């Protein structure tokens, strides 16, 4: 399984579900090369999606509870649309 959600990827192996963030190198031998940085390992897709929501909340620039709630609603809607397409 490999599910792309914006700059995050959920992958699986026989033992767990991994949430990773996709980043791009800016220097070195191969600038512009994409790579994945694991954020966490989970027992289910639901746990990985919850972690994705938490990660997006931590990265939020919201300055009020209302703005933060709107961002959370948007994140959940985006996840719902992605999951319907699978």
N, C-alpha and C. Protein backbone atom coordinates (compact mmCIF):
# COMPACT_ATOMS: atom_id res chain seq x y z
N UNK A 1 0.84 -1.17 0.00
CA UNK A 1 0.00 0.00 0.00
C UNK A 1 0.89 1.23 0.00
N UNK A 2 0.47 2.24 -0.76
CA UNK A 2 1.15 3.53 -0.78
C UNK A 2 0.10 4.59 -1.06
N UNK A 3 -0.20 5.41 -0.05
CA UNK A 3 -1.22 6.45 -0.17
C UNK A 3 -0.54 7.80 -0.02
N UNK A 4 -0.63 8.63 -1.06
CA UNK A 4 -0.04 9.97 -1.04
C UNK A 4 -1.10 10.97 -0.60
N UNK A 5 -0.80 11.77 0.43
CA UNK A 5 -1.68 12.83 0.90
C UNK A 5 -0.81 14.07 1.05
N UNK A 6 -0.93 14.96 0.07
CA UNK A 6 -0.08 16.16 0.00
C UNK A 6 1.38 15.72 0.06
N UNK A 7 2.14 16.25 1.02
CA UNK A 7 3.56 15.89 1.09
C UNK A 7 3.81 14.75 2.08
N UNK A 8 2.77 13.99 2.40
CA UNK A 8 2.89 12.84 3.29
C UNK A 8 2.56 11.57 2.52
N UNK A 9 3.14 10.44 2.97
CA UNK A 9 2.89 9.15 2.35
C UNK A 9 2.65 8.12 3.45
N UNK A 10 1.60 7.33 3.27
CA UNK A 10 1.33 6.21 4.17
C UNK A 10 1.67 4.95 3.40
N UNK A 11 2.59 4.16 3.94
CA UNK A 11 2.98 2.90 3.32
C UNK A 11 2.79 1.77 4.33
N UNK A 12 2.82 0.55 3.82
CA UNK A 12 2.67 -0.59 4.72
C UNK A 12 3.68 -1.67 4.37
N UNK A 13 3.97 -2.47 5.37
CA UNK A 13 4.74 -3.69 5.18
C UNK A 13 4.02 -4.75 6.02
N UNK A 14 4.49 -5.98 6.05
CA UNK A 14 3.76 -7.01 6.80
C UNK A 14 3.61 -6.73 8.29
N UNK A 15 4.44 -5.84 8.85
CA UNK A 15 4.42 -5.62 10.29
C UNK A 15 3.71 -4.35 10.75
N UNK A 16 3.71 -3.29 9.92
CA UNK A 16 3.12 -2.04 10.39
C UNK A 16 2.79 -1.08 9.25
N UNK A 17 2.20 0.04 9.64
CA UNK A 17 1.86 1.13 8.73
C UNK A 17 2.82 2.27 9.06
N UNK A 18 3.42 2.87 8.04
CA UNK A 18 4.38 3.95 8.26
C UNK A 18 3.85 5.25 7.67
N UNK A 19 3.93 6.32 8.46
CA UNK A 19 3.62 7.66 7.98
C UNK A 19 4.95 8.36 7.77
N UNK A 20 5.16 8.86 6.55
CA UNK A 20 6.41 9.55 6.22
C UNK A 20 6.09 10.89 5.58
N UNK A 21 7.04 11.80 5.69
CA UNK A 21 6.93 13.08 5.01
C UNK A 21 7.89 13.07 3.83
N UNK A 22 7.41 13.51 2.68
CA UNK A 22 8.25 13.59 1.49
C UNK A 22 8.97 14.93 1.49
N UNK A 23 10.28 14.87 1.33
CA UNK A 23 11.10 16.08 1.28
C UNK A 23 11.94 16.04 0.01
N UNK A 24 12.50 17.18 -0.35
CA UNK A 24 13.33 17.28 -1.54
C UNK A 24 14.69 17.85 -1.15
N UNK A 25 15.75 17.19 -1.63
CA UNK A 25 17.10 17.69 -1.34
C UNK A 25 17.31 19.02 -2.05
N UNK A 26 18.05 19.90 -1.39
CA UNK A 26 18.34 21.20 -1.99
C UNK A 26 19.81 21.34 -2.35
N UNK A 27 20.64 20.45 -1.84
CA UNK A 27 22.06 20.52 -2.17
C UNK A 27 22.63 19.11 -2.20
N UNK A 28 23.91 18.99 -2.31
CA UNK A 28 24.54 17.67 -2.38
C UNK A 28 24.70 17.20 -3.81
N UNK A 29 24.88 15.90 -3.97
CA UNK A 29 25.13 15.33 -5.29
C UNK A 29 23.92 15.38 -6.21
N UNK A 30 22.72 15.22 -5.64
CA UNK A 30 21.51 15.15 -6.46
C UNK A 30 20.44 16.13 -5.97
N UNK A 31 20.64 17.44 -6.13
CA UNK A 31 19.62 18.37 -5.68
C UNK A 31 18.32 18.14 -6.45
N UNK A 32 17.21 18.27 -5.75
CA UNK A 32 15.91 18.04 -6.36
C UNK A 32 15.39 16.62 -6.22
N UNK A 33 16.19 15.74 -5.62
CA UNK A 33 15.78 14.35 -5.42
C UNK A 33 14.84 14.26 -4.22
N UNK A 34 13.72 13.57 -4.40
CA UNK A 34 12.77 13.38 -3.30
C UNK A 34 13.18 12.20 -2.44
N UNK A 35 12.93 12.33 -1.13
CA UNK A 35 13.17 11.23 -0.20
C UNK A 35 12.11 11.30 0.89
N UNK A 36 11.92 10.18 1.60
CA UNK A 36 10.90 10.12 2.64
C UNK A 36 11.55 10.06 4.02
N UNK A 37 10.98 10.84 4.95
CA UNK A 37 11.44 10.87 6.33
C UNK A 37 10.33 10.26 7.19
N UNK A 38 10.55 9.10 7.80
CA UNK A 38 9.50 8.49 8.63
C UNK A 38 9.12 9.38 9.81
N UNK A 39 7.83 9.53 10.02
CA UNK A 39 7.31 10.27 11.17
C UNK A 39 6.96 9.31 12.28
N UNK A 40 6.38 8.14 11.90
CA UNK A 40 6.01 7.17 12.91
C UNK A 40 5.54 5.87 12.30
N UNK A 41 5.44 4.86 13.15
CA UNK A 41 5.01 3.52 12.76
C UNK A 41 3.76 3.19 13.55
N UNK A 42 2.74 2.65 12.88
CA UNK A 42 1.43 2.47 13.49
C UNK A 42 0.88 1.09 13.18
N UNK A 43 -0.08 0.68 13.99
CA UNK A 43 -0.70 -0.63 13.83
C UNK A 43 -1.87 -0.64 12.86
N UNK A 44 -2.40 0.55 12.53
CA UNK A 44 -3.54 0.62 11.61
C UNK A 44 -3.48 1.90 10.79
N UNK A 45 -4.21 1.90 9.69
CA UNK A 45 -4.29 3.10 8.85
C UNK A 45 -4.94 4.24 9.62
N UNK A 46 -5.94 3.92 10.44
CA UNK A 46 -6.63 4.95 11.22
C UNK A 46 -5.65 5.66 12.15
N UNK A 47 -4.76 4.91 12.80
CA UNK A 47 -3.77 5.52 13.68
C UNK A 47 -2.81 6.41 12.90
N UNK A 48 -2.42 5.97 11.71
CA UNK A 48 -1.53 6.77 10.87
C UNK A 48 -2.22 8.06 10.44
N UNK A 49 -3.51 7.97 10.10
CA UNK A 49 -4.26 9.17 9.71
C UNK A 49 -4.42 10.13 10.88
N UNK A 50 -4.66 9.61 12.07
CA UNK A 50 -4.73 10.46 13.26
C UNK A 50 -3.40 11.18 13.48
N UNK A 51 -2.31 10.46 13.27
CA UNK A 51 -0.98 11.06 13.42
C UNK A 51 -0.76 12.15 12.37
N UNK A 52 -1.27 11.93 11.17
CA UNK A 52 -1.16 12.94 10.12
C UNK A 52 -1.89 14.21 10.53
N UNK A 53 -3.09 14.06 11.08
CA UNK A 53 -3.84 15.23 11.55
C UNK A 53 -3.05 15.96 12.64
N UNK A 54 -2.50 15.22 13.59
CA UNK A 54 -1.71 15.84 14.66
C UNK A 54 -0.49 16.57 14.10
N UNK A 55 0.16 15.97 13.11
CA UNK A 55 1.33 16.58 12.49
C UNK A 55 0.95 17.89 11.81
N UNK A 56 -0.16 17.89 11.08
CA UNK A 56 -0.61 19.10 10.39
C UNK A 56 -1.00 20.18 11.40
N UNK A 57 -1.60 19.79 12.52
CA UNK A 57 -1.97 20.76 13.55
C UNK A 57 -0.71 21.41 14.13
N UNK A 58 0.31 20.60 14.40
CA UNK A 58 1.56 21.14 14.95
C UNK A 58 2.22 22.14 14.00
N UNK A 59 2.06 21.90 12.70
CA UNK A 59 2.68 22.77 11.71
C UNK A 59 1.79 23.97 11.35
N UNK A 60 0.63 24.05 11.95
CA UNK A 60 -0.34 25.10 11.64
C UNK A 60 0.17 26.48 12.05
N UNK A 61 -0.24 27.47 11.28
CA UNK A 61 0.07 28.86 11.62
C UNK A 61 -1.17 29.58 12.14
N UNK A 62 -2.16 28.83 12.56
CA UNK A 62 -3.41 29.41 13.08
C UNK A 62 -3.11 30.29 14.29
N UNK A 63 -3.86 31.39 14.39
CA UNK A 63 -3.68 32.31 15.51
C UNK A 63 -4.90 32.37 16.42
N UNK A 64 -5.91 31.54 16.11
CA UNK A 64 -7.10 31.48 16.97
C UNK A 64 -7.65 30.06 16.94
N UNK A 65 -8.47 29.76 17.93
CA UNK A 65 -9.10 28.44 17.98
C UNK A 65 -9.98 28.24 16.75
N UNK A 66 -10.68 29.28 16.34
CA UNK A 66 -11.55 29.19 15.15
C UNK A 66 -10.73 28.81 13.92
N UNK A 67 -9.59 29.49 13.70
CA UNK A 67 -8.74 29.17 12.56
C UNK A 67 -8.24 27.73 12.63
N UNK A 68 -7.84 27.30 13.82
CA UNK A 68 -7.34 25.94 13.98
C UNK A 68 -8.43 24.92 13.69
N UNK A 69 -9.64 25.15 14.17
CA UNK A 69 -10.75 24.24 13.90
C UNK A 69 -11.05 24.18 12.41
N UNK A 70 -10.98 25.30 11.72
CA UNK A 70 -11.20 25.32 10.27
C UNK A 70 -10.13 24.50 9.56
N UNK A 71 -8.88 24.62 10.00
CA UNK A 71 -7.81 23.83 9.41
C UNK A 71 -8.03 22.34 9.64
N UNK A 72 -8.43 21.97 10.85
CA UNK A 72 -8.68 20.55 11.16
C UNK A 72 -9.81 20.03 10.28
N UNK A 73 -10.87 20.81 10.12
CA UNK A 73 -11.97 20.38 9.24
C UNK A 73 -11.47 20.18 7.81
N UNK A 74 -10.65 21.11 7.35
CA UNK A 74 -10.10 20.99 6.00
C UNK A 74 -9.21 19.76 5.84
N UNK A 75 -8.40 19.48 6.84
CA UNK A 75 -7.53 18.30 6.80
C UNK A 75 -8.37 17.03 6.75
N UNK A 76 -9.38 16.96 7.61
CA UNK A 76 -10.24 15.77 7.63
C UNK A 76 -10.99 15.60 6.32
N UNK A 77 -11.44 16.69 5.72
CA UNK A 77 -12.13 16.63 4.42
C UNK A 77 -11.17 16.14 3.34
N UNK A 78 -9.93 16.63 3.35
CA UNK A 78 -8.94 16.20 2.38
C UNK A 78 -8.68 14.70 2.51
N UNK A 79 -8.54 14.22 3.74
CA UNK A 79 -8.32 12.79 3.97
C UNK A 79 -9.52 11.99 3.49
N UNK A 80 -10.72 12.47 3.75
CA UNK A 80 -11.94 11.77 3.31
C UNK A 80 -11.95 11.63 1.79
N UNK A 81 -11.60 12.72 1.07
CA UNK A 81 -11.59 12.67 -0.39
C UNK A 81 -10.53 11.69 -0.90
N UNK A 82 -9.36 11.70 -0.28
CA UNK A 82 -8.29 10.78 -0.70
C UNK A 82 -8.73 9.34 -0.48
N UNK A 83 -9.33 9.06 0.67
CA UNK A 83 -9.74 7.69 1.00
C UNK A 83 -10.88 7.21 0.09
N UNK A 84 -11.73 8.11 -0.37
CA UNK A 84 -12.79 7.71 -1.29
C UNK A 84 -12.22 7.31 -2.65
N UNK A 85 -11.09 7.89 -3.01
CA UNK A 85 -10.47 7.60 -4.30
C UNK A 85 -9.71 6.30 -4.33
N UNK A 86 -9.56 5.65 -3.19
CA UNK A 86 -8.79 4.39 -3.13
C UNK A 86 -9.67 3.23 -3.50
